[in-house]
């Protein structure tokens, strides 16, 4: 029964990707409801601003964000132009997006509690983290 469920979910994801429809996981993306989500604003090479709602990870007073699935244009923009803005609870602040070290990434993977089954829904995308240092 378990294999049948996994096979069905995999088929649905594949069919959605081929037809251009939203994957099952995309329906559960965070919304900016003022709770535990943030809005990160990144800037592309042409100077255009882009907003993305993310769930932050806080660790010892340090703010991190994770690219958990393949649509990660915000992550690539933050790597290219690390000057980002974060809006949280109605307050916007400037940050420097810094790629984490290998050791820091492993610790965040261990501590963040990302469920193994979520990797199926994200197309087995490797999780990448950015530390957000206040400017």
C-alpha atoms as a PDB file:
ATOM      1  CA  UNK A   1       0.000   0.000   0.000  1.00  0.00           C
ATOM      2  CA  UNK A   2       2.813   2.428   0.922  1.00  0.00           C
ATOM      3  CA  UNK A   3       4.572   1.864  -2.400  1.00  0.00           C
ATOM      4  CA  UNK A   4       1.315   2.505  -4.242  1.00  0.00           C
ATOM      5  CA  UNK A   5       0.845   5.836  -2.459  1.00  0.00           C
ATOM      6  CA  UNK A   6       4.417   6.899  -3.222  1.00  0.00           C
ATOM      7  CA  UNK A   7       4.054   5.833  -6.854  1.00  0.00           C
ATOM      8  CA  UNK A   8       0.766   7.757  -7.165  1.00  0.00           C
ATOM      9  CA  UNK A   9       2.279  10.893  -5.650  1.00  0.00           C
ATOM     10  CA  UNK A  10       5.290  10.620  -7.941  1.00  0.00           C
ATOM     11  CA  UNK A  11       3.030  10.214 -10.966  1.00  0.00           C
ATOM     12  CA  UNK A  12       0.979  13.273  -9.968  1.00  0.00           C
ATOM     13  CA  UNK A  13       4.114  15.387  -9.584  1.00  0.00           C
ATOM     14  CA  UNK A  14       5.475  14.199 -12.912  1.00  0.00           C
ATOM     15  CA  UNK A  15       2.152  14.810 -14.674  1.00  0.00           C
ATOM     16  CA  UNK A  16       1.908  18.273 -13.152  1.00  0.00           C
ATOM     17  CA  UNK A  17       5.417  19.159 -14.252  1.00  0.00           C
ATOM     18  CA  UNK A  18       4.818  17.974 -17.817  1.00  0.00           C
ATOM     19  CA  UNK A  19       1.524  19.852 -18.175  1.00  0.00           C
ATOM     20  CA  UNK A  20       2.831  23.002 -16.504  1.00  0.00           C
ATOM     21  CA  UNK A  21       0.304  22.701 -13.686  1.00  0.00           C
ATOM     22  CA  UNK A  22       1.073  23.488 -10.072  1.00  0.00           C
ATOM     23  CA  UNK A  23       2.592  20.595  -8.138  1.00  0.00           C
ATOM     24  CA  UNK A  24       0.852  19.305  -5.059  1.00  0.00           C
ATOM     25  CA  UNK A  25       3.547  20.818  -2.866  1.00  0.00           C
ATOM     26  CA  UNK A  26       3.177  24.289  -4.382  1.00  0.00           C
ATOM     27  CA  UNK A  27      -0.326  24.478  -2.926  1.00  0.00           C
ATOM     28  CA  UNK A  28       1.229  24.443   0.536  1.00  0.00           C
ATOM     29  CA  UNK A  29       3.763  27.244   0.092  1.00  0.00           C
ATOM     30  CA  UNK A  30       3.858  29.679   2.987  1.00  0.00           C
ATOM     31  CA  UNK A  31       1.617  32.716   2.879  1.00  0.00           C
ATOM     32  CA  UNK A  32       2.527  36.033   4.417  1.00  0.00           C
ATOM     33  CA  UNK A  33      -0.078  35.948   7.149  1.00  0.00           C
ATOM     34  CA  UNK A  34       1.998  37.890   9.638  1.00  0.00           C
ATOM     35  CA  UNK A  35       2.953  34.795  11.600  1.00  0.00           C
ATOM     36  CA  UNK A  36       6.197  32.979  11.160  1.00  0.00           C
ATOM     37  CA  UNK A  37       6.802  33.928   7.537  1.00  0.00           C
ATOM     38  CA  UNK A  38       8.950  36.667   6.065  1.00  0.00           C
ATOM     39  CA  UNK A  39       9.033  38.413   2.710  1.00  0.00           C
ATOM     40  CA  UNK A  40      12.498  38.571   1.191  1.00  0.00           C
ATOM     41  CA  UNK A  41      13.096  41.162  -1.511  1.00  0.00           C
ATOM     42  CA  UNK A  42      15.879  40.415  -3.969  1.00  0.00           C
ATOM     43  CA  UNK A  43      17.081  42.449  -6.946  1.00  0.00           C
ATOM     44  CA  UNK A  44      17.908  41.001 -10.363  1.00  0.00           C
ATOM     45  CA  UNK A  45      20.678  42.066 -12.751  1.00  0.00           C
ATOM     46  CA  UNK A  46      18.381  44.654 -14.367  1.00  0.00           C
ATOM     47  CA  UNK A  47      17.605  46.268 -11.006  1.00  0.00           C
ATOM     48  CA  UNK A  48      14.064  44.881 -10.723  1.00  0.00           C
ATOM     49  CA  UNK A  49      12.852  43.935  -7.227  1.00  0.00           C
ATOM     50  CA  UNK A  50      11.254  40.545  -6.585  1.00  0.00           C
ATOM     51  CA  UNK A  51       9.457  39.403  -3.440  1.00  0.00           C
ATOM     52  CA  UNK A  52       9.206  35.854  -2.132  1.00  0.00           C
ATOM     53  CA  UNK A  53       7.452  34.589   0.986  1.00  0.00           C
ATOM     54  CA  UNK A  54       9.662  32.239   3.014  1.00  0.00           C
ATOM     55  CA  UNK A  55       9.659  30.496   6.352  1.00  0.00           C
ATOM     56  CA  UNK A  56      12.695  31.696   8.303  1.00  0.00           C
ATOM     57  CA  UNK A  57      14.932  29.563  10.469  1.00  0.00           C
ATOM     58  CA  UNK A  58      16.192  31.215  13.634  1.00  0.00           C
ATOM     59  CA  UNK A  59      19.189  29.801  15.418  1.00  0.00           C
ATOM     60  CA  UNK A  60      20.800  31.508  18.394  1.00  0.00           C
ATOM     61  CA  UNK A  61      19.568  34.932  17.285  1.00  0.00           C
ATOM     62  CA  UNK A  62      20.755  34.419  13.703  1.00  0.00           C
ATOM     63  CA  UNK A  63      18.296  34.412  10.813  1.00  0.00           C
ATOM     64  CA  UNK A  64      18.588  31.842   8.013  1.00  0.00           C
ATOM     65  CA  UNK A  65      16.482  31.041   4.956  1.00  0.00           C
ATOM     66  CA  UNK A  66      16.462  27.860   2.903  1.00  0.00           C
ATOM     67  CA  UNK A  67      15.922  27.120  -0.761  1.00  0.00           C
ATOM     68  CA  UNK A  68      13.920  23.924  -0.393  1.00  0.00           C
ATOM     69  CA  UNK A  69      12.813  23.165  -3.951  1.00  0.00           C
ATOM     70  CA  UNK A  70      13.759  23.780  -7.549  1.00  0.00           C
ATOM     71  CA  UNK A  71      12.047  27.119  -8.233  1.00  0.00           C
ATOM     72  CA  UNK A  72      14.784  29.075  -6.510  1.00  0.00           C
ATOM     73  CA  UNK A  73      15.236  32.218  -8.573  1.00  0.00           C
ATOM     74  CA  UNK A  74      15.139  34.267  -5.344  1.00  0.00           C
ATOM     75  CA  UNK A  75      18.105  32.253  -4.055  1.00  0.00           C
ATOM     76  CA  UNK A  76      20.152  32.784  -7.231  1.00  0.00           C
ATOM     77  CA  UNK A  77      19.354  36.518  -7.143  1.00  0.00           C
ATOM     78  CA  UNK A  78      20.472  36.716  -3.499  1.00  0.00           C
ATOM     79  CA  UNK A  79      23.758  35.009  -4.393  1.00  0.00           C
ATOM     80  CA  UNK A  80      24.317  37.410  -7.297  1.00  0.00           C
ATOM     81  CA  UNK A  81      23.281  40.504  -5.310  1.00  0.00           C
ATOM     82  CA  UNK A  82      23.439  39.745  -1.570  1.00  0.00           C
ATOM     83  CA  UNK A  83      21.901  43.080  -0.524  1.00  0.00           C
ATOM     84  CA  UNK A  84      18.368  41.971   0.370  1.00  0.00           C
ATOM     85  CA  UNK A  85      15.468  43.338   2.382  1.00  0.00           C
ATOM     86  CA  UNK A  86      13.341  41.294   4.758  1.00  0.00           C
ATOM     87  CA  UNK A  87       9.866  42.279   5.892  1.00  0.00           C
ATOM     88  CA  UNK A  88       8.744  40.616   9.093  1.00  0.00           C
ATOM     89  CA  UNK A  89       5.675  41.548  11.112  1.00  0.00           C
ATOM     90  CA  UNK A  90       5.315  44.745   9.083  1.00  0.00           C
ATOM     91  CA  UNK A  91       8.909  45.909   9.666  1.00  0.00           C
ATOM     92  CA  UNK A  92      11.450  45.976   6.818  1.00  0.00           C
ATOM     93  CA  UNK A  93      15.184  45.675   7.449  1.00  0.00           C
ATOM     94  CA  UNK A  94      18.264  45.395   5.241  1.00  0.00           C
ATOM     95  CA  UNK A  95      20.408  42.249   5.293  1.00  0.00           C
ATOM     96  CA  UNK A  96      23.454  40.776   3.624  1.00  0.00           C
ATOM     97  CA  UNK A  97      22.710  37.257   2.322  1.00  0.00           C
ATOM     98  CA  UNK A  98      25.704  35.014   3.018  1.00  0.00           C
ATOM     99  CA  UNK A  99      26.063  31.395   1.855  1.00  0.00           C
ATOM    100  CA  UNK A 100      26.635  29.133   4.837  1.00  0.00           C
ATOM    101  CA  UNK A 101      29.723  26.991   5.354  1.00  0.00           C
ATOM    102  CA  UNK A 102      29.573  23.243   4.822  1.00  0.00           C
ATOM    103  CA  UNK A 103      29.577  22.649   8.594  1.00  0.00           C
ATOM    104  CA  UNK A 104      26.848  25.230   9.160  1.00  0.00           C
ATOM    105  CA  UNK A 105      24.746  23.652   6.376  1.00  0.00           C
ATOM    106  CA  UNK A 106      25.069  20.180   7.920  1.00  0.00           C
ATOM    107  CA  UNK A 107      24.060  21.530  11.339  1.00  0.00           C
ATOM    108  CA  UNK A 108      21.041  23.324   9.847  1.00  0.00           C
ATOM    109  CA  UNK A 109      20.011  20.180   7.984  1.00  0.00           C
ATOM    110  CA  UNK A 110      20.170  18.215  11.233  1.00  0.00           C
ATOM    111  CA  UNK A 111      18.375  20.875  13.292  1.00  0.00           C
ATOM    112  CA  UNK A 112      15.715  22.155  10.903  1.00  0.00           C
ATOM    113  CA  UNK A 113      13.542  19.059  10.955  1.00  0.00           C
ATOM    114  CA  UNK A 114      12.787  19.018   7.201  1.00  0.00           C
ATOM    115  CA  UNK A 115      10.795  15.782   6.832  1.00  0.00           C
ATOM    116  CA  UNK A 116      12.269  13.149   4.535  1.00  0.00           C
ATOM    117  CA  UNK A 117       8.973  12.767   2.640  1.00  0.00           C
ATOM    118  CA  UNK A 118       9.143  16.472   1.757  1.00  0.00           C
ATOM    119  CA  UNK A 119      12.120  15.726  -0.470  1.00  0.00           C
ATOM    120  CA  UNK A 120       9.733  13.745  -2.707  1.00  0.00           C
ATOM    121  CA  UNK A 121       7.456  16.767  -3.106  1.00  0.00           C
ATOM    122  CA  UNK A 122      10.382  19.077  -3.818  1.00  0.00           C
ATOM    123  CA  UNK A 123      11.797  16.886  -6.571  1.00  0.00           C
ATOM    124  CA  UNK A 124      14.713  15.832  -4.343  1.00  0.00           C
ATOM    125  CA  UNK A 125      16.150  19.331  -4.536  1.00  0.00           C
ATOM    126  CA  UNK A 126      19.212  19.828  -2.336  1.00  0.00           C
ATOM    127  CA  UNK A 127      18.497  22.267   0.489  1.00  0.00           C
ATOM    128  CA  UNK A 128      20.670  25.355   0.367  1.00  0.00           C
ATOM    129  CA  UNK A 129      20.837  27.922   3.157  1.00  0.00           C
ATOM    130  CA  UNK A 130      21.656  31.599   3.385  1.00  0.00           C
ATOM    131  CA  UNK A 131      22.497  33.395   6.607  1.00  0.00           C
ATOM    132  CA  UNK A 132      20.977  36.868   6.770  1.00  0.00           C
ATOM    133  CA  UNK A 133      23.399  39.256   8.456  1.00  0.00           C
ATOM    134  CA  UNK A 134      21.912  42.639   9.487  1.00  0.00           C
ATOM    135  CA  UNK A 135      23.388  45.640   7.676  1.00  0.00           C
END
